[in-house]
Protein backbone atom coordinates (compact mmCIF):
# COMPACT_ATOMS: atom_id res chain seq x y z
CA MET A 1 58.18 121.77 43.72
CA ALA A 2 55.87 124.18 45.31
CA ALA A 3 55.11 121.70 48.24
CA ASN A 4 58.70 121.20 48.79
CA LEU A 5 59.28 124.75 49.39
CA LEU A 6 56.39 124.75 51.54
CA THR A 7 57.62 122.30 53.70
CA LEU A 8 60.86 123.93 53.87
CA ALA A 9 59.36 127.41 54.52
CA ARG A 10 57.36 125.40 57.56
CA LEU A 11 60.47 123.88 58.88
CA SER A 12 62.56 127.22 58.74
CA ALA A 13 59.63 128.84 60.69
CA LEU A 14 59.75 126.04 63.33
CA ALA A 15 63.43 126.70 63.80
CA VAL A 16 62.96 130.48 63.83
CA THR A 17 60.48 129.93 66.38
CA ILE A 18 62.46 127.86 68.80
CA LEU A 19 65.58 129.94 68.68
CA LEU A 20 63.76 132.97 69.30
CA LEU A 21 61.79 131.51 72.34
CA ILE A 22 65.44 130.02 73.78
CA TRP A 23 66.89 133.49 73.26
CA SER A 24 63.73 135.26 74.89
CA ILE A 25 63.71 132.93 77.90
CA GLY A 26 67.11 131.06 78.26
CA PHE A 27 69.91 134.15 78.11
CA ARG A 28 70.58 136.78 80.27
CA SER A 29 68.87 139.39 77.72
CA GLY A 30 65.98 137.28 78.38
CA PHE A 31 62.72 137.21 80.52
CA LEU A 32 64.63 135.32 83.14
CA HIS A 33 67.27 137.99 83.72
CA LEU A 34 64.46 139.79 85.29
CA SER A 35 64.92 137.52 88.33
CA SER A 36 68.55 138.84 88.83
CA THR A 37 67.47 142.79 88.72
CA SER A 38 67.01 144.45 91.57
CA SER A 39 63.45 144.71 93.05
CA SER A 40 64.19 148.51 94.09
CA LEU A 41 64.51 149.51 90.41
CA PRO A 42 61.02 148.66 88.96
CA THR A 43 61.86 150.82 85.94
CA VAL A 44 64.89 148.58 85.05
CA HIS A 45 62.69 145.65 85.20
CA LEU A 46 59.89 147.26 83.01
CA ASP A 47 62.60 148.38 80.60
CA HIS A 48 64.13 144.90 80.67
CA LEU A 49 60.73 143.57 79.95
CA PHE A 50 59.83 145.90 77.16
CA SER A 51 63.38 145.33 75.20
CA VAL A 52 62.54 141.82 75.51
CA LEU A 53 59.06 141.78 74.20
CA HIS A 54 59.80 144.14 71.16
CA PRO A 55 61.91 141.60 69.23
CA LEU A 56 59.63 138.89 70.44
CA LEU A 57 56.42 140.51 69.15
CA MET A 58 58.10 141.89 65.71
CA VAL A 59 59.16 138.63 64.72
CA MET A 60 56.14 136.76 65.64
CA GLY A 61 54.15 139.05 63.90
CA PHE A 62 55.66 140.66 60.94
CA ILE A 63 57.69 137.70 59.80
CA LEU A 64 56.14 134.14 61.29
CA LEU A 65 52.29 135.33 61.02
CA SER A 66 52.74 137.19 58.03
CA GLY A 67 54.56 134.64 56.11
CA GLU A 68 52.11 131.91 56.97
CA ALA A 69 49.37 134.44 55.52
CA ILE A 70 51.50 135.00 52.53
CA LEU A 71 51.22 131.00 52.19
CA ALA A 72 47.55 130.69 52.98
CA TYR A 73 46.62 130.34 49.54
CA ARG A 74 49.02 127.51 48.76
CA TRP A 75 48.38 125.03 51.86
CA MET A 76 44.29 126.05 51.51
CA ARG A 77 43.69 125.18 47.88
CA ARG A 78 41.06 122.71 49.08
CA TRP A 79 38.98 125.58 51.09
CA SER A 80 36.62 128.07 49.49
CA ARG A 81 37.62 131.47 48.17
CA GLY A 82 36.03 133.13 50.97
CA ALA A 83 37.49 131.08 53.29
CA ARG A 84 40.97 131.59 52.15
CA LYS A 85 40.17 135.48 51.78
CA LEU A 86 39.03 135.55 55.67
CA MET A 87 41.98 133.59 56.79
CA HIS A 88 44.70 135.46 54.99
CA LEU A 89 42.99 138.80 56.06
CA ALA A 90 42.55 137.72 59.60
CA MET A 91 46.30 136.45 60.03
CA GLN A 92 47.79 139.43 58.42
CA GLY A 93 45.34 141.39 61.03
CA VAL A 94 46.75 139.40 63.94
CA ALA A 95 50.29 140.13 62.58
CA LEU A 96 49.69 143.89 62.40
CA GLY A 97 48.56 143.67 65.89
CA PHE A 98 51.57 142.20 66.95
CA GLY A 99 53.76 144.60 65.10
CA VAL A 100 52.05 147.70 66.93
CA LEU A 101 52.37 146.22 70.13
CA GLY A 102 56.10 145.35 69.26
CA ILE A 103 56.92 149.05 68.46
CA TRP A 104 54.58 150.27 71.61
CA ALA A 105 56.83 148.12 73.85
CA LYS A 106 59.78 149.88 72.48
CA PHE A 107 58.76 152.96 72.63
CA LYS A 108 57.33 152.53 76.19
CA GLY A 109 60.78 152.17 77.47
CA ASN A 110 62.34 154.85 80.07
CA VAL A 111 64.07 156.56 77.34
CA GLY A 112 61.14 157.54 75.21
CA ILE A 113 60.25 157.46 71.61
CA MET A 114 62.83 160.28 70.03
CA ASN A 115 65.83 158.35 71.72
CA ASN A 116 64.74 155.20 70.33
CA PHE A 117 64.24 156.83 66.85
CA TYR A 118 67.80 157.38 65.73
CA SER A 119 69.19 154.08 63.91
CA LEU A 120 68.43 152.75 60.50
CA HIS A 121 66.89 149.86 62.34
CA SER A 122 64.19 152.37 63.83
CA TRP A 123 63.49 154.31 60.31
CA MET A 124 63.04 150.57 58.58
CA GLY A 125 60.88 149.13 61.16
CA LEU A 126 58.43 152.62 61.05
CA ALA A 127 58.67 152.09 56.97
CA CYS A 128 57.46 148.67 57.55
CA LEU A 129 54.66 149.41 60.19
CA PHE A 130 53.52 152.14 57.76
CA LEU A 131 53.79 149.73 54.64
CA PHE A 132 51.99 146.81 56.52
CA SER A 133 49.15 149.21 57.76
CA ALA A 134 48.30 150.63 54.20
CA GLN A 135 48.42 147.07 52.71
CA TRP A 136 45.98 145.41 55.12
CA ILE A 137 43.41 148.55 54.74
CA ALA A 138 43.87 148.40 50.91
CA GLY A 139 43.48 144.55 50.78
CA PHE A 140 40.55 144.86 53.13
CA MET A 141 38.82 147.52 50.98
CA SER A 142 39.67 146.23 47.38
CA PHE A 143 39.50 142.29 47.94
CA TRP A 144 36.96 141.62 50.77
CA HIS A 145 34.86 144.71 51.20
CA HIS A 146 34.42 145.00 47.29
CA SER A 147 34.07 148.74 47.68
CA GLU A 148 35.73 148.43 44.02
CA GLY A 149 34.91 147.26 40.87
CA ARG A 150 35.90 144.19 39.45
CA ARG A 151 38.12 145.66 36.90
CA THR A 152 39.57 147.82 39.51
CA ARG A 153 40.56 144.89 41.62
CA THR A 154 42.36 142.97 38.63
CA ILE A 155 44.43 146.08 38.22
CA VAL A 156 45.41 146.59 41.92
CA LEU A 157 46.08 142.81 42.39
CA PRO A 158 49.54 142.67 41.18
CA TRP A 159 50.66 145.63 42.83
CA HIS A 160 48.97 144.07 46.01
CA VAL A 161 51.02 141.12 45.96
CA PHE A 162 53.92 142.98 45.03
CA VAL A 163 53.92 145.32 47.93
CA GLY A 164 53.07 142.77 50.32
CA LEU A 165 56.21 140.60 49.33
CA TYR A 166 58.38 143.52 49.43
CA THR A 167 57.03 144.66 53.16
CA TYR A 168 57.57 141.18 54.09
CA ILE A 169 61.28 141.28 52.72
CA LEU A 170 61.64 144.60 54.21
CA ALA A 171 60.49 143.16 57.53
CA VAL A 172 63.20 140.65 57.49
CA ALA A 173 65.76 143.11 56.51
CA THR A 174 64.68 145.21 59.58
CA ALA A 175 64.77 142.11 62.06
CA GLU A 176 68.51 141.45 60.87
CA THR A 177 69.52 145.21 61.71
CA GLY A 178 67.74 144.78 64.73
CA LEU A 179 69.67 141.70 65.53
CA LEU A 180 73.14 143.39 64.60
CA GLU A 181 72.00 146.48 66.78
CA LYS A 182 71.09 144.23 69.84
CA LEU A 183 74.49 142.29 69.67
CA THR A 184 76.59 145.71 69.12
CA PHE A 185 74.64 147.16 72.29
CA LEU A 186 75.43 143.77 74.36
CA GLN A 187 78.92 143.95 73.43
CA THR A 188 80.05 147.52 73.88
CA LYS A 189 77.53 148.34 76.86
CA HIS A 190 77.63 144.88 78.77
CA GLY A 191 80.74 143.45 78.16
CA MET A 192 79.34 140.25 76.21
CA PRO A 193 82.04 138.25 74.61
CA ARG A 194 82.34 138.22 70.85
CA ARG A 195 82.19 134.30 70.82
CA SER A 196 79.64 133.37 73.21
CA ALA A 197 76.48 131.03 73.27
CA GLU A 198 73.93 134.25 73.23
CA THR A 199 76.22 135.56 70.18
CA THR A 200 75.82 132.02 68.43
CA LEU A 201 72.34 131.55 68.99
CA VAL A 202 71.60 135.23 67.76
CA ASN A 203 73.45 134.61 64.64
CA CYS A 204 71.94 131.26 63.99
CA LEU A 205 68.75 133.15 64.00
CA GLY A 206 69.50 135.69 61.68
CA PHE A 207 70.55 133.12 59.43
CA GLY A 208 67.05 131.40 60.07
CA LEU A 209 65.39 134.47 59.25
CA VAL A 210 67.00 134.95 55.71
CA LEU A 211 66.22 131.20 55.09
CA LEU A 212 62.55 131.76 56.28
CA GLY A 213 62.23 135.00 54.35
CA SER A 214 63.75 133.13 50.88
CA PHE A 215 61.57 130.22 51.13
CA VAL A 216 58.53 132.13 51.69
CA VAL A 217 58.94 134.57 48.75
CA PHE A 218 59.94 131.59 46.36
CA THR A 219 56.98 129.76 47.56
CA ALA A 220 54.94 132.50 46.75
CA ILE A 221 56.07 133.23 43.64
CA SER A 222 57.15 129.64 42.36
CA PRO A 223 55.99 129.11 38.84
CA LYS A 224 53.15 126.71 39.30
CA GLN A 225 50.74 129.38 38.80
CA HIS A 226 52.44 130.93 35.62
CA LEU A 227 53.45 127.99 33.58
CA HIS A 228 50.14 128.90 31.54
CA VAL A 229 51.80 131.94 30.07
CA GLN A 230 54.87 130.10 28.43
CA HIS A 231 52.36 127.21 27.57
CA LEU A 232 49.94 129.42 25.77
CA ALA A 233 52.66 131.23 24.24
CA SER A 234 54.00 128.20 22.78
CA ILE A 235 50.51 126.71 21.72
CA LYS A 236 49.96 130.04 19.69
CA ASN A 237 53.23 129.66 17.73
CA THR A 238 52.64 126.27 17.07
CA ASN A 239 49.05 127.19 15.84
CA THR A 240 50.30 130.11 13.81
CA GLY A 241 52.75 127.73 11.70
CA ASN A 242 50.23 124.94 10.99
CA LEU A 243 47.96 124.48 8.10
CA CYS A 244 44.29 125.60 8.39
CA SER A 245 42.85 121.76 7.68
CA SER A 246 44.72 121.06 11.11
CA SER A 247 43.24 123.97 13.09
CA ASN A 248 40.85 121.85 14.67
CA LYS A 249 43.28 119.11 15.88
CA ASN A 250 45.48 121.60 17.46
CA GLY A 251 42.47 123.59 19.01
CA TYR A 252 41.52 120.60 20.69
CA HIS A 253 44.96 119.85 21.83
CA SER A 254 45.43 123.40 23.17
CA SER A 255 42.12 123.39 25.10
CA HIS A 256 43.18 119.87 26.60
CA GLN A 257 46.29 120.85 27.58
CA SER A 258 45.18 124.29 28.82
CA SER A 259 42.75 122.84 31.20
CA LYS A 260 45.53 120.77 33.02
CA ILE A 261 47.07 124.06 34.04
CA MET A 262 45.58 126.88 36.58
CA SER A 263 45.15 130.15 34.63
CA PHE A 264 45.81 133.36 35.76
CA SER A 265 42.40 134.69 35.98
CA ASP A 266 41.18 131.49 38.12
CA PHE A 267 44.37 133.03 40.49
CA ASP A 268 42.97 136.44 40.44
CA ASN A 269 39.45 135.18 41.21
CA GLU A 270 41.29 133.12 44.19
CA LYS A 271 42.57 136.46 45.34
């Protein structure tokens, strides 16, 4: 099941990438629209360029790259633990860099910082950037730099996973509000018809982001790595009700079956 979810996540990411590039290049709100802007207005050129770069960089960083980094421990199982951690940390670092550049592109426009910081989308975006940055620093200090003891890292790990997935979901929700805000702006300020090719494409992009976010989260929390909890509980209940004379047989059966399932401590070590 985990392999199927990983495949669906990859296909969704590919679809989102294609739709995002088509929107950024092929429509009037994309890069090609710069050619129709008067060359005597360089500020308009820059504002339009920054407005295109913002969604492109944010989706590529906080959703596509970050999602792939979350799935790194799935598709890199045959790699060493250090290689998996390094790849996860590096991809999240690149994603953070894309996010910083995306927010810089938005604030670099002619309207300034405060004029951009008015909507729910902007508030959610800054909250996402703060959580992402704190998560990356905490992950580096606790799991890569080993500045904390093993017991502390074991306690921090579940929170690191939870906050990471929460931040990813928040990034997807922020992107959805941004797409809605962009469509509203184009329809009210630029007269875009409610039923147009660009509107349909943006709606498909938003739906693709929902699918991608769902598949990434489901893949990350799929029960493959947690089956041992129910398995060990059933073994314990079985052993409790058995006679002492059969304890050796049950003990062998328990250890034999348990060895087939990856324990949570092993997953902790991988992290």
